[in-house]
Structures are given as C-alpha cells and as structure tokens.
Amino acid sequence: MRLIISAEVTTQDLDKLLIPNPVYDLVIERKTKELKKYLEEHPKLMFNIAQFNQALKVSNQYAAQRKCNCSYQIPWLPYYSAQNNIKFGQLYISFTQQVDLYRYMIRYWYPSPQISNMRYLSLIALGTLQELKLAKQYIGAGKDPCVIGNKDVIVGKCFSNNYQFVQYLDNHYIWL
C-alpha cells in the first residue's frame, strides 16, 4: 500500500515529519556529535540520507526544466510513519513536495539562524561521508590521514594504526 503525505501538510511541517524516527530528537535538539556517532554506527541510514538529498536535487532540476518526476519512497522509517503507525516502505512524497522541500532546505541553510532540519541532517551525513572518504583516500595514497589517536574521525573510536581504520570501515559496510 502506497501512502503519499497529504498536500495540505506545509513544507515546514514536512521538514520535521520526514526526519528518521531514531534520530528525531538528536536532529531537533541539534546534538551534532551524537548524531554523527549514530550515523557512523548505521551507515545504511547515512547513505540513504545522501541519496534522498540527491533525489531532491534532481527533482528541483526537473522542475526548473518544466519536467516532472515520480513520487519518492522514503527509505527509512520517518517520524511521521512512527506517529501514524505506517509500516516501513509505505510512505511516499509527491514530486511537488520534493521540490518544495528542497527549496525550503536551500532557503533555510547555514547563514540563516533557522536552519532546516533536513538540511542539518543532510549536512551531518554528507560531511561524515566526506571525512571518511578523505581519510581512506589518504591511507590509500600512503599519506597520514590523522586517524591514529584521533577520536573525531569515527566518534568515540581510537585506532592504533591505519589498518584498523580501514578494517573498521569494511566491517561496518562503509564502502567509499
């Protein structure tokens, strides 16, 4: 069964309702370090957030070219689904909602004091992926990525050598 969020829901509400349920409080309260740690422990969610951000961007490009796109299945259990007893994989957002949400995320970006919740979540997820990818590239090139003894690369983890870092990424299915 496909459920599309009602068109009557405002974009500002949609920005809150689509937050993944397990990290809802972390996003609303802007707990960056705890959110980053959760995403590192759940790489599938981190990749899904990155793909969602890309899908919104593509929908916005289609709208600018006067084209249309399909509805988008939310690839996680959002707060909206948890509150309304909707099963995983049944919630979709329409093309118009995708475009409106993307434009809302752009409008309320960092210089703004009122940053969009989904933009904040996307920034943390994409930033974490970028940090991990850069560290892995440095190791592959034989450079020092500063992962040894640095607890900020993977929150709460301390590696004694570069091999442990690469092994951690592989064991947690973080393929970059």
C-alpha atoms as a PDB file:
ATOM      1  CA  MET A   1       0.000   0.000   0.000  1.00  0.00           C
ATOM      2  CA  ARG A   2       1.395   3.410  -1.004  1.00  0.00           C
ATOM      3  CA  LEU A   3       0.687   6.424   1.164  1.00  0.00           C
ATOM      4  CA  ILE A   4       1.569   9.890  -0.020  1.00  0.00           C
ATOM      5  CA  ILE A   5       1.706  12.601   2.611  1.00  0.00           C
ATOM      6  CA  SER A   6      -1.233  14.968   2.204  1.00  0.00           C
ATOM      7  CA  ALA A   7      -0.642  18.083   0.123  1.00  0.00           C
ATOM      8  CA  GLU A   8      -2.165  20.072   2.989  1.00  0.00           C
ATOM      9  CA  VAL A   9       0.950  19.456   5.104  1.00  0.00           C
ATOM     10  CA  THR A  10       3.159  22.545   4.993  1.00  0.00           C
ATOM     11  CA  THR A  11       6.761  22.321   3.882  1.00  0.00           C
ATOM     12  CA  GLN A  12       7.898  23.425   7.328  1.00  0.00           C
ATOM     13  CA  ASP A  13       5.966  20.515   8.875  1.00  0.00           C
ATOM     14  CA  LEU A  14       7.255  18.140   6.196  1.00  0.00           C
ATOM     15  CA  ASP A  15      10.777  19.194   7.166  1.00  0.00           C
ATOM     16  CA  LYS A  16      10.121  17.795  10.664  1.00  0.00           C
ATOM     17  CA  LEU A  17       7.933  14.817   9.740  1.00  0.00           C
ATOM     18  CA  LEU A  18      10.472  13.213   7.387  1.00  0.00           C
ATOM     19  CA  ILE A  19      13.295  13.062   9.938  1.00  0.00           C
ATOM     20  CA  PRO A  20      14.223   9.412  10.598  1.00  0.00           C
ATOM     21  CA  ASN A  21      12.480   8.372  13.803  1.00  0.00           C
ATOM     22  CA  PRO A  22      15.594   7.023  15.621  1.00  0.00           C
ATOM     23  CA  VAL A  23      17.408  10.367  15.263  1.00  0.00           C
ATOM     24  CA  TYR A  24      14.429  12.718  15.576  1.00  0.00           C
ATOM     25  CA  ASP A  25      15.389  14.094  18.994  1.00  0.00           C
ATOM     26  CA  LEU A  26      19.072  14.408  18.028  1.00  0.00           C
ATOM     27  CA  VAL A  27      18.174  16.499  14.966  1.00  0.00           C
ATOM     28  CA  ILE A  28      15.605  18.706  16.708  1.00  0.00           C
ATOM     29  CA  GLU A  29      17.976  19.365  19.625  1.00  0.00           C
ATOM     30  CA  ARG A  30      20.988  19.791  17.242  1.00  0.00           C
ATOM     31  CA  LYS A  31      23.195  17.241  19.017  1.00  0.00           C
ATOM     32  CA  THR A  32      25.820  17.026  16.291  1.00  0.00           C
ATOM     33  CA  LYS A  33      28.313  14.667  17.919  1.00  0.00           C
ATOM     34  CA  GLU A  34      25.669  12.131  18.983  1.00  0.00           C
ATOM     35  CA  LEU A  35      24.033  12.325  15.535  1.00  0.00           C
ATOM     36  CA  LYS A  36      27.357  11.772  13.794  1.00  0.00           C
ATOM     37  CA  LYS A  37      28.061   8.779  16.044  1.00  0.00           C
ATOM     38  CA  TYR A  38      24.634   7.281  15.315  1.00  0.00           C
ATOM     39  CA  LEU A  39      25.104   7.699  11.562  1.00  0.00           C
ATOM     40  CA  GLU A  40      28.549   6.084  11.722  1.00  0.00           C
ATOM     41  CA  GLU A  41      27.017   3.115  13.538  1.00  0.00           C
ATOM     42  CA  HIS A  42      24.178   2.947  10.964  1.00  0.00           C
ATOM     43  CA  PRO A  43      25.861   3.544   7.588  1.00  0.00           C
ATOM     44  CA  LYS A  44      22.802   2.426   5.603  1.00  0.00           C
ATOM     45  CA  LEU A  45      20.836   5.349   7.021  1.00  0.00           C
ATOM     46  CA  MET A  46      23.739   7.696   6.268  1.00  0.00           C
ATOM     47  CA  PHE A  47      23.802   6.573   2.619  1.00  0.00           C
ATOM     48  CA  ASN A  48      20.001   6.773   2.381  1.00  0.00           C
ATOM     49  CA  ILE A  49      20.082  10.382   3.572  1.00  0.00           C
ATOM     50  CA  ALA A  50      22.706  11.199   0.935  1.00  0.00           C
ATOM     51  CA  GLN A  51      20.579   9.522  -1.770  1.00  0.00           C
ATOM     52  CA  PHE A  52      17.478  11.368  -0.567  1.00  0.00           C
ATOM     53  CA  ASN A  53      19.316  14.673  -0.791  1.00  0.00           C
ATOM     54  CA  GLN A  54      20.389  13.797  -4.349  1.00  0.00           C
ATOM     55  CA  ALA A  55      16.828  12.819  -5.319  1.00  0.00           C
ATOM     56  CA  LEU A  56      15.524  16.163  -4.085  1.00  0.00           C
ATOM     57  CA  LYS A  57      18.195  17.971  -6.068  1.00  0.00           C
ATOM     58  CA  VAL A  58      17.275  16.074  -9.261  1.00  0.00           C
ATOM     59  CA  SER A  59      13.580  16.819  -8.742  1.00  0.00           C
ATOM     60  CA  ASN A  60      14.381  20.507  -8.378  1.00  0.00           C
ATOM     61  CA  GLN A  61      16.383  20.398 -11.629  1.00  0.00           C
ATOM     62  CA  TYR A  62      13.450  18.704 -13.389  1.00  0.00           C
ATOM     63  CA  ALA A  63      11.079  21.369 -12.098  1.00  0.00           C
ATOM     64  CA  ALA A  64      13.396  24.102 -13.411  1.00  0.00           C
ATOM     65  CA  GLN A  65      13.271  22.419 -16.847  1.00  0.00           C
ATOM     66  CA  ARG A  66       9.457  22.118 -16.664  1.00  0.00           C
ATOM     67  CA  LYS A  67       9.649  18.348 -16.430  1.00  0.00           C
ATOM     68  CA  CYS A  68       8.053  16.018 -13.934  1.00  0.00           C
ATOM     69  CA  ASN A  69       9.364  13.226 -11.738  1.00  0.00           C
ATOM     70  CA  CYS A  70       7.774  10.354  -9.815  1.00  0.00           C
ATOM     71  CA  SER A  71       6.848  10.256  -6.169  1.00  0.00           C
ATOM     72  CA  TYR A  72       9.714   9.208  -3.915  1.00  0.00           C
ATOM     73  CA  GLN A  73       9.627   6.360  -1.405  1.00  0.00           C
ATOM     74  CA  ILE A  74      11.152   7.404   1.910  1.00  0.00           C
ATOM     75  CA  PRO A  75      13.955   4.838   2.504  1.00  0.00           C
ATOM     76  CA  TRP A  76      13.776   4.962   6.312  1.00  0.00           C
ATOM     77  CA  LEU A  77      11.075   4.997   8.977  1.00  0.00           C
ATOM     78  CA  PRO A  78      10.293   8.698   9.349  1.00  0.00           C
ATOM     79  CA  TYR A  79       8.840  10.355  12.413  1.00  0.00           C
ATOM     80  CA  TYR A  80       5.521  10.749  10.543  1.00  0.00           C
ATOM     81  CA  SER A  81       5.251   6.987   9.983  1.00  0.00           C
ATOM     82  CA  ALA A  82       6.072   6.175  13.593  1.00  0.00           C
ATOM     83  CA  GLN A  83       3.392   8.591  14.833  1.00  0.00           C
ATOM     84  CA  ASN A  84       0.731   7.266  12.429  1.00  0.00           C
ATOM     85  CA  ASN A  85       1.522   3.511  12.589  1.00  0.00           C
ATOM     86  CA  ILE A  86       2.602   3.356   8.949  1.00  0.00           C
ATOM     87  CA  LYS A  87       4.894   0.462   8.075  1.00  0.00           C
ATOM     88  CA  PHE A  88       8.395   0.919   6.672  1.00  0.00           C
ATOM     89  CA  GLY A  89       8.468   1.462   2.909  1.00  0.00           C
ATOM     90  CA  GLN A  90       4.860   2.621   2.547  1.00  0.00           C
ATOM     91  CA  LEU A  91       5.380   6.377   2.770  1.00  0.00           C
ATOM     92  CA  TYR A  92       5.995   8.481  -0.334  1.00  0.00           C
ATOM     93  CA  ILE A  93       6.288  12.174  -1.035  1.00  0.00           C
ATOM     94  CA  SER A  94       4.989  13.708  -4.233  1.00  0.00           C
ATOM     95  CA  PHE A  95       7.111  15.466  -6.844  1.00  0.00           C
ATOM     96  CA  THR A  96       5.784  18.861  -5.745  1.00  0.00           C
ATOM     97  CA  GLN A  97       6.652  18.102  -2.120  1.00  0.00           C
ATOM     98  CA  GLN A  98      10.174  17.064  -3.165  1.00  0.00           C
ATOM     99  CA  VAL A  99      10.716  20.351  -4.979  1.00  0.00           C
ATOM    100  CA  ASP A 100       9.200  22.421  -2.179  1.00  0.00           C
ATOM    101  CA  LEU A 101      11.262  20.629   0.467  1.00  0.00           C
ATOM    102  CA  TYR A 102      14.491  21.083  -1.488  1.00  0.00           C
ATOM    103  CA  ARG A 103      13.816  24.801  -1.943  1.00  0.00           C
ATOM    104  CA  TYR A 104      12.938  25.106   1.746  1.00  0.00           C
ATOM    105  CA  MET A 105      16.222  23.375   2.644  1.00  0.00           C
ATOM    106  CA  ILE A 106      18.142  25.816   0.442  1.00  0.00           C
ATOM    107  CA  ARG A 107      16.275  28.846   1.791  1.00  0.00           C
ATOM    108  CA  TYR A 108      16.981  27.894   5.418  1.00  0.00           C
ATOM    109  CA  TRP A 109      20.602  26.929   5.140  1.00  0.00           C
ATOM    110  CA  TYR A 110      23.570  27.800   7.374  1.00  0.00           C
ATOM    111  CA  PRO A 111      23.835  31.584   7.424  1.00  0.00           C
ATOM    112  CA  SER A 112      20.191  31.564   8.462  1.00  0.00           C
ATOM    113  CA  PRO A 113      19.517  31.236  12.209  1.00  0.00           C
ATOM    114  CA  GLN A 114      16.562  28.956  11.378  1.00  0.00           C
ATOM    115  CA  ILE A 115      18.280  26.061   9.599  1.00  0.00           C
ATOM    116  CA  SER A 116      16.063  23.406   8.042  1.00  0.00           C
ATOM    117  CA  ASN A 117      16.018  20.119   9.967  1.00  0.00           C
ATOM    118  CA  MET A 118      16.501  18.004   6.841  1.00  0.00           C
ATOM    119  CA  ARG A 119      19.306  20.318   5.675  1.00  0.00           C
ATOM    120  CA  TYR A 120      21.020  19.941   9.050  1.00  0.00           C
ATOM    121  CA  LEU A 121      20.671  16.153   8.858  1.00  0.00           C
ATOM    122  CA  SER A 122      21.975  16.130   5.272  1.00  0.00           C
ATOM    123  CA  LEU A 123      24.956  18.310   6.194  1.00  0.00           C
ATOM    124  CA  ILE A 124      25.969  15.955   9.009  1.00  0.00           C
ATOM    125  CA  ALA A 125      25.517  12.805   6.882  1.00  0.00           C
ATOM    126  CA  LEU A 126      27.282  14.190   3.806  1.00  0.00           C
ATOM    127  CA  GLY A 127      30.065  15.726   5.905  1.00  0.00           C
ATOM    128  CA  THR A 128      30.676  12.439   7.709  1.00  0.00           C
ATOM    129  CA  LEU A 129      30.822  10.532   4.417  1.00  0.00           C
ATOM    130  CA  GLN A 130      33.262  13.084   3.031  1.00  0.00           C
ATOM    131  CA  GLU A 131      35.545  12.862   6.090  1.00  0.00           C
ATOM    132  CA  LEU A 132      35.630   9.061   5.960  1.00  0.00           C
ATOM    133  CA  LYS A 133      36.259   9.026   2.214  1.00  0.00           C
ATOM    134  CA  LEU A 134      39.103  11.537   2.501  1.00  0.00           C
ATOM    135  CA  ALA A 135      40.759   9.585   5.324  1.00  0.00           C
ATOM    136  CA  LYS A 136      40.533   6.356   3.320  1.00  0.00           C
ATOM    137  CA  GLN A 137      41.990   8.087   0.216  1.00  0.00           C
ATOM    138  CA  TYR A 138      44.895   9.407   2.295  1.00  0.00           C
ATOM    139  CA  ILE A 139      45.633   5.904   3.549  1.00  0.00           C
ATOM    140  CA  GLY A 140      45.494   4.528   0.005  1.00  0.00           C
ATOM    141  CA  ALA A 141      47.943   7.199  -1.151  1.00  0.00           C
ATOM    142  CA  GLY A 142      50.337   6.454   1.715  1.00  0.00           C
ATOM    143  CA  LYS A 143      49.723   9.796   3.429  1.00  0.00           C
ATOM    144  CA  ASP A 144      48.929  10.360   7.080  1.00  0.00           C
ATOM    145  CA  PRO A 145      45.151  10.838   7.434  1.00  0.00           C
ATOM    146  CA  CYS A 146      45.453  11.641  11.157  1.00  0.00           C
ATOM    147  CA  VAL A 147      43.161   8.767  12.150  1.00  0.00           C
ATOM    148  CA  ILE A 148      45.652   7.334  14.654  1.00  0.00           C
ATOM    149  CA  GLY A 149      44.634   8.530  18.113  1.00  0.00           C
ATOM    150  CA  ASN A 150      42.068  10.973  16.696  1.00  0.00           C
ATOM    151  CA  LYS A 151      38.659  10.292  18.226  1.00  0.00           C
ATOM    152  CA  ASP A 152      36.890  12.763  15.903  1.00  0.00           C
ATOM    153  CA  VAL A 153      37.255  10.742  12.680  1.00  0.00           C
ATOM    154  CA  ILE A 154      34.980   7.992  13.987  1.00  0.00           C
ATOM    155  CA  VAL A 155      33.256   9.346  17.077  1.00  0.00           C
ATOM    156  CA  GLY A 156      34.394   7.506  20.182  1.00  0.00           C
ATOM    157  CA  LYS A 157      36.815   5.172  18.347  1.00  0.00           C
ATOM    158  CA  CYS A 158      40.560   5.377  18.690  1.00  0.00           C
ATOM    159  CA  PHE A 159      42.720   3.492  16.181  1.00  0.00           C
ATOM    160  CA  SER A 160      46.312   2.461  16.821  1.00  0.00           C
ATOM    161  CA  ASN A 161      47.101   2.147  13.098  1.00  0.00           C
ATOM    162  CA  ASN A 162      45.640   2.908   9.678  1.00  0.00           C
ATOM    163  CA  TYR A 163      44.812  -0.748   9.012  1.00  0.00           C
ATOM    164  CA  GLN A 164      42.410  -0.790  11.967  1.00  0.00           C
ATOM    165  CA  PHE A 165      40.596   2.220  10.494  1.00  0.00           C
ATOM    166  CA  VAL A 166      40.188   0.605   7.056  1.00  0.00           C
ATOM    167  CA  GLN A 167      39.133  -2.666   8.688  1.00  0.00           C
ATOM    168  CA  TYR A 168      36.519  -0.793  10.751  1.00  0.00           C
ATOM    169  CA  LEU A 169      35.076   0.772   7.583  1.00  0.00           C
ATOM    170  CA  ASP A 170      34.938  -2.588   5.820  1.00  0.00           C
ATOM    171  CA  ASN A 171      33.379  -4.387   8.797  1.00  0.00           C
ATOM    172  CA  HIS A 172      30.668  -1.723   9.073  1.00  0.00           C
ATOM    173  CA  TYR A 173      29.945  -1.771   5.339  1.00  0.00           C
ATOM    174  CA  ILE A 174      31.101   1.789   4.809  1.00  0.00           C
ATOM    175  CA  TRP A 175      32.301   1.490   1.238  1.00  0.00           C
ATOM    176  CA  LEU A 176      33.587   4.746  -0.092  1.00  0.00           C
END
